[in-house]
N, C-alpha and C. Protein backbone atom coordinates (compact mmCIF):
# COMPACT_ATOMS: atom_id res chain seq x y z
N MET A 1 71.94 113.87 11.53
CA MET A 1 73.34 114.13 11.32
C MET A 1 74.15 113.75 12.56
N GLN A 2 73.67 114.17 13.69
CA GLN A 2 74.32 113.87 14.97
C GLN A 2 74.39 112.36 15.14
N ASN A 3 73.32 111.69 14.81
CA ASN A 3 73.23 110.25 14.93
C ASN A 3 74.23 109.56 13.99
N MET A 4 74.37 110.10 12.81
CA MET A 4 75.29 109.56 11.81
C MET A 4 76.74 109.66 12.30
N ILE A 5 77.12 110.78 12.86
CA ILE A 5 78.48 110.99 13.38
C ILE A 5 78.73 110.04 14.54
N LYS A 6 77.71 109.87 15.39
CA LYS A 6 77.84 108.97 16.52
C LYS A 6 78.07 107.53 16.04
N ARG A 7 77.34 107.11 15.01
CA ARG A 7 77.50 105.76 14.47
C ARG A 7 78.88 105.57 13.82
N ILE A 8 79.37 106.61 13.17
CA ILE A 8 80.70 106.54 12.55
C ILE A 8 81.77 106.41 13.63
N VAL A 9 81.65 107.17 14.71
CA VAL A 9 82.60 107.11 15.82
C VAL A 9 82.55 105.73 16.47
N GLU A 10 81.34 105.21 16.67
CA GLU A 10 81.19 103.88 17.26
C GLU A 10 81.81 102.81 16.35
N ALA A 11 81.57 102.93 15.05
CA ALA A 11 82.14 101.98 14.09
C ALA A 11 83.66 102.06 14.10
N ASP A 12 84.18 103.27 14.20
CA ASP A 12 85.62 103.46 14.25
C ASP A 12 86.20 102.84 15.53
N ASN A 13 85.52 103.04 16.65
CA ASN A 13 85.97 102.45 17.92
C ASN A 13 85.92 100.93 17.87
N GLU A 14 84.86 100.40 17.26
CA GLU A 14 84.75 98.94 17.11
C GLU A 14 85.86 98.40 16.22
N ALA A 15 86.15 99.13 15.15
CA ALA A 15 87.23 98.71 14.24
C ALA A 15 88.57 98.72 14.96
N LYS A 16 88.81 99.75 15.78
CA LYS A 16 90.06 99.82 16.54
C LYS A 16 90.15 98.67 17.55
N ALA A 17 89.03 98.37 18.20
CA ALA A 17 89.01 97.27 19.17
C ALA A 17 89.25 95.93 18.48
N LEU A 18 88.62 95.77 17.32
CA LEU A 18 88.81 94.54 16.55
C LEU A 18 90.25 94.42 16.06
N GLU A 19 90.82 95.52 15.62
CA GLU A 19 92.21 95.53 15.18
C GLU A 19 93.14 95.16 16.33
N GLU A 20 92.88 95.70 17.51
CA GLU A 20 93.69 95.40 18.70
C GLU A 20 93.55 93.92 19.08
N ALA A 21 92.33 93.41 19.02
CA ALA A 21 92.10 91.99 19.33
C ALA A 21 92.83 91.10 18.33
N ASN A 22 92.79 91.47 17.06
CA ASN A 22 93.51 90.69 16.03
C ASN A 22 95.01 90.74 16.25
N ARG A 23 95.50 91.91 16.62
CA ARG A 23 96.93 92.07 16.87
C ARG A 23 97.35 91.19 18.06
N ASN A 24 96.52 91.20 19.12
CA ASN A 24 96.82 90.37 20.30
C ASN A 24 96.77 88.89 19.96
N ALA A 25 95.77 88.49 19.17
CA ALA A 25 95.65 87.09 18.76
C ALA A 25 96.86 86.67 17.92
N ALA A 26 97.30 87.57 17.03
CA ALA A 26 98.47 87.27 16.20
C ALA A 26 99.71 87.11 17.06
N GLU A 27 99.87 87.97 18.05
CA GLU A 27 101.02 87.87 18.96
C GLU A 27 100.98 86.56 19.74
N GLU A 28 99.79 86.20 20.22
CA GLU A 28 99.65 84.93 20.95
C GLU A 28 99.99 83.74 20.06
N GLU A 29 99.51 83.78 18.82
CA GLU A 29 99.82 82.69 17.89
C GLU A 29 101.32 82.63 17.61
N LYS A 30 101.93 83.78 17.45
CA LYS A 30 103.37 83.83 17.21
C LYS A 30 104.13 83.23 18.39
N LYS A 31 103.72 83.59 19.61
CA LYS A 31 104.37 83.03 20.80
C LYS A 31 104.17 81.52 20.87
N GLN A 32 102.96 81.07 20.54
CA GLN A 32 102.67 79.64 20.56
C GLN A 32 103.52 78.89 19.54
N ILE A 33 103.65 79.46 18.35
CA ILE A 33 104.47 78.83 17.30
C ILE A 33 105.92 78.77 17.74
N GLU A 34 106.42 79.84 18.32
CA GLU A 34 107.81 79.86 18.81
C GLU A 34 108.01 78.81 19.90
N LYS A 35 107.03 78.69 20.78
CA LYS A 35 107.10 77.71 21.86
C LYS A 35 107.12 76.29 21.29
N GLU A 36 106.25 76.02 20.32
CA GLU A 36 106.21 74.70 19.70
C GLU A 36 107.50 74.41 18.93
N ALA A 37 108.02 75.41 18.24
CA ALA A 37 109.27 75.24 17.51
C ALA A 37 110.41 74.91 18.48
N GLU A 38 110.45 75.58 19.60
CA GLU A 38 111.48 75.32 20.61
C GLU A 38 111.34 73.91 21.17
N ALA A 39 110.08 73.48 21.39
CA ALA A 39 109.85 72.12 21.91
C ALA A 39 110.31 71.07 20.89
N ILE A 40 110.02 71.31 19.62
CA ILE A 40 110.45 70.37 18.57
C ILE A 40 111.97 70.34 18.49
N TYR A 41 112.59 71.51 18.51
CA TYR A 41 114.05 71.59 18.47
C TYR A 41 114.65 70.83 19.66
N GLN A 42 114.09 71.06 20.84
CA GLN A 42 114.61 70.41 22.05
C GLN A 42 114.46 68.90 21.96
N LYS A 43 113.32 68.45 21.42
CA LYS A 43 113.07 67.01 21.27
C LYS A 43 114.14 66.38 20.38
N TYR A 44 114.40 67.00 19.23
CA TYR A 44 115.39 66.45 18.32
C TYR A 44 116.81 66.54 18.90
N MET A 45 117.10 67.60 19.62
CA MET A 45 118.41 67.70 20.24
C MET A 45 118.59 66.63 21.32
N ASP A 46 117.55 66.37 22.09
CA ASP A 46 117.62 65.31 23.10
C ASP A 46 117.83 63.95 22.45
N GLU A 47 117.10 63.70 21.35
CA GLU A 47 117.27 62.44 20.63
C GLU A 47 118.69 62.32 20.07
N ALA A 48 119.21 63.42 19.54
CA ALA A 48 120.57 63.41 19.00
C ALA A 48 121.59 63.14 20.10
N ARG A 49 121.40 63.77 21.26
CA ARG A 49 122.33 63.53 22.38
C ARG A 49 122.28 62.07 22.83
N GLU A 50 121.08 61.51 22.83
CA GLU A 50 120.92 60.11 23.21
C GLU A 50 121.64 59.19 22.22
N GLU A 51 121.50 59.48 20.93
CA GLU A 51 122.19 58.69 19.90
C GLU A 51 123.71 58.82 20.05
N ILE A 52 124.16 60.02 20.34
CA ILE A 52 125.60 60.24 20.52
C ILE A 52 126.10 59.45 21.72
N ALA A 53 125.33 59.45 22.79
CA ALA A 53 125.73 58.70 23.98
C ALA A 53 125.80 57.21 23.67
N LYS A 54 124.83 56.69 22.91
CA LYS A 54 124.85 55.27 22.53
C LYS A 54 126.07 54.97 21.67
N SER A 55 126.34 55.85 20.71
CA SER A 55 127.50 55.66 19.84
C SER A 55 128.80 55.70 20.63
N ASP A 56 128.88 56.64 21.56
CA ASP A 56 130.08 56.74 22.40
C ASP A 56 130.29 55.45 23.19
N ALA A 57 129.22 54.93 23.77
CA ALA A 57 129.33 53.70 24.56
C ALA A 57 129.78 52.54 23.67
N TYR A 58 129.18 52.44 22.48
CA TYR A 58 129.55 51.36 21.56
C TYR A 58 131.02 51.49 21.14
N LEU A 59 131.42 52.69 20.76
CA LEU A 59 132.80 52.90 20.33
C LEU A 59 133.79 52.65 21.46
N GLU A 60 133.43 53.02 22.66
CA GLU A 60 134.31 52.79 23.80
C GLU A 60 134.48 51.29 24.05
N LYS A 61 133.39 50.53 23.97
CA LYS A 61 133.49 49.08 24.15
C LYS A 61 134.33 48.45 23.05
N ARG A 62 134.10 48.89 21.81
CA ARG A 62 134.87 48.34 20.69
C ARG A 62 136.36 48.67 20.83
N THR A 63 136.66 49.88 21.25
CA THR A 63 138.05 50.27 21.45
C THR A 63 138.69 49.47 22.58
N ASP A 64 137.95 49.25 23.65
CA ASP A 64 138.47 48.44 24.76
C ASP A 64 138.79 47.02 24.31
N ARG A 65 137.89 46.43 23.48
CA ARG A 65 138.14 45.08 22.96
C ARG A 65 139.40 45.05 22.11
N LYS A 66 139.54 46.04 21.24
CA LYS A 66 140.73 46.10 20.37
C LYS A 66 141.99 46.27 21.22
N LEU A 67 141.91 47.10 22.23
CA LEU A 67 143.06 47.34 23.10
C LEU A 67 143.45 46.05 23.83
N LYS A 68 142.46 45.31 24.29
CA LYS A 68 142.74 44.04 24.97
C LYS A 68 143.37 43.04 23.99
N ASN A 69 142.88 43.02 22.75
CA ASN A 69 143.46 42.13 21.75
C ASN A 69 144.92 42.49 21.47
N VAL A 70 145.19 43.77 21.34
CA VAL A 70 146.57 44.22 21.09
C VAL A 70 147.45 43.86 22.28
N ALA A 71 146.95 44.08 23.48
CA ALA A 71 147.72 43.76 24.68
C ALA A 71 148.00 42.26 24.76
N ALA A 72 147.02 41.44 24.39
CA ALA A 72 147.22 39.99 24.41
C ALA A 72 148.26 39.58 23.37
N LYS A 73 148.22 40.18 22.19
CA LYS A 73 149.21 39.87 21.15
C LYS A 73 150.61 40.29 21.60
N GLN A 74 150.71 41.44 22.23
CA GLN A 74 152.01 41.91 22.72
C GLN A 74 152.53 40.96 23.80
N GLU A 75 151.66 40.53 24.68
CA GLU A 75 152.07 39.60 25.74
C GLU A 75 152.54 38.29 25.14
N SER A 76 151.83 37.81 24.12
CA SER A 76 152.21 36.57 23.45
C SER A 76 153.58 36.72 22.77
N ALA A 77 153.77 37.85 22.10
CA ALA A 77 155.06 38.09 21.44
C ALA A 77 156.18 38.18 22.46
N LEU A 78 155.93 38.82 23.60
CA LEU A 78 156.95 38.93 24.65
C LEU A 78 157.32 37.56 25.20
N ILE A 79 156.31 36.72 25.42
CA ILE A 79 156.57 35.36 25.92
C ILE A 79 157.43 34.59 24.91
N LYS A 80 157.09 34.71 23.62
CA LYS A 80 157.85 34.00 22.58
C LYS A 80 159.29 34.51 22.53
N LEU A 81 159.46 35.85 22.60
CA LEU A 81 160.81 36.41 22.58
C LEU A 81 161.63 35.94 23.78
N LYS A 82 161.03 35.89 24.95
CA LYS A 82 161.74 35.42 26.14
C LYS A 82 162.11 33.94 25.99
N SER A 83 161.20 33.18 25.43
CA SER A 83 161.47 31.76 25.21
C SER A 83 162.61 31.56 24.23
N ASP A 84 162.57 32.31 23.13
CA ASP A 84 163.67 32.23 22.14
C ASP A 84 164.99 32.64 22.78
N TYR A 85 164.96 33.67 23.58
CA TYR A 85 166.17 34.13 24.26
C TYR A 85 166.72 33.04 25.19
N GLU A 86 165.83 32.46 26.00
CA GLU A 86 166.27 31.42 26.93
C GLU A 86 166.86 30.23 26.19
N GLN A 87 166.28 29.86 25.07
CA GLN A 87 166.74 28.69 24.33
C GLN A 87 168.03 28.97 23.55
N ASN A 88 168.22 30.19 23.08
CA ASN A 88 169.31 30.46 22.15
C ASN A 88 170.40 31.41 22.65
N ARG A 89 170.31 31.90 23.85
CA ARG A 89 171.24 32.94 24.28
C ARG A 89 172.69 32.48 24.26
N ASP A 90 172.94 31.26 24.73
CA ASP A 90 174.32 30.79 24.75
C ASP A 90 174.86 30.66 23.32
N ARG A 91 174.06 30.12 22.43
CA ARG A 91 174.49 29.96 21.03
C ARG A 91 174.72 31.33 20.40
N TRP A 92 173.81 32.30 20.69
CA TRP A 92 173.94 33.63 20.10
C TRP A 92 175.20 34.33 20.62
N VAL A 93 175.46 34.17 21.90
CA VAL A 93 176.66 34.78 22.48
C VAL A 93 177.90 34.19 21.83
N ASP A 94 177.91 32.85 21.72
CA ASP A 94 179.07 32.19 21.10
C ASP A 94 179.25 32.66 19.64
N GLU A 95 178.16 32.79 18.95
CA GLU A 95 178.22 33.18 17.54
C GLU A 95 178.71 34.63 17.41
N ILE A 96 178.24 35.53 18.26
CA ILE A 96 178.69 36.93 18.22
C ILE A 96 180.17 37.01 18.55
N VAL A 97 180.59 36.27 19.57
CA VAL A 97 182.01 36.30 19.96
C VAL A 97 182.87 35.76 18.81
N SER A 98 182.44 34.66 18.18
CA SER A 98 183.26 34.09 17.11
C SER A 98 183.33 35.03 15.90
N ARG A 99 182.28 35.76 15.63
CA ARG A 99 182.31 36.70 14.49
C ARG A 99 183.19 37.91 14.81
N VAL A 100 183.19 38.32 16.06
CA VAL A 100 184.01 39.46 16.43
C VAL A 100 185.49 39.07 16.44
N VAL A 101 185.77 37.88 16.94
CA VAL A 101 187.15 37.44 17.06
C VAL A 101 187.72 37.08 15.68
N SER A 102 186.90 36.55 14.80
CA SER A 102 187.40 36.11 13.48
C SER A 102 187.88 37.22 12.65
């Protein structure tokens, strides 16, 4: 009888130790999974930031080209307007004066 109680107590202690070991293993696995999930998240976020940086650079270059084209067109229009003014100013002045006086 004494021997039987001793074996039951030992079995109970072993079960408790096994339960504690399983609990610790589960906690370690949970931490490992969380760590891996964070690494995966960080990897994708880094890739996304890299893509955004590439897109920003591309869009900035494209915008600069468009801005230069617009500036060139404005400069061309200004040159044409100045040329028209130089060629026609006397005629335009005479025409305005004659319309006002008439």
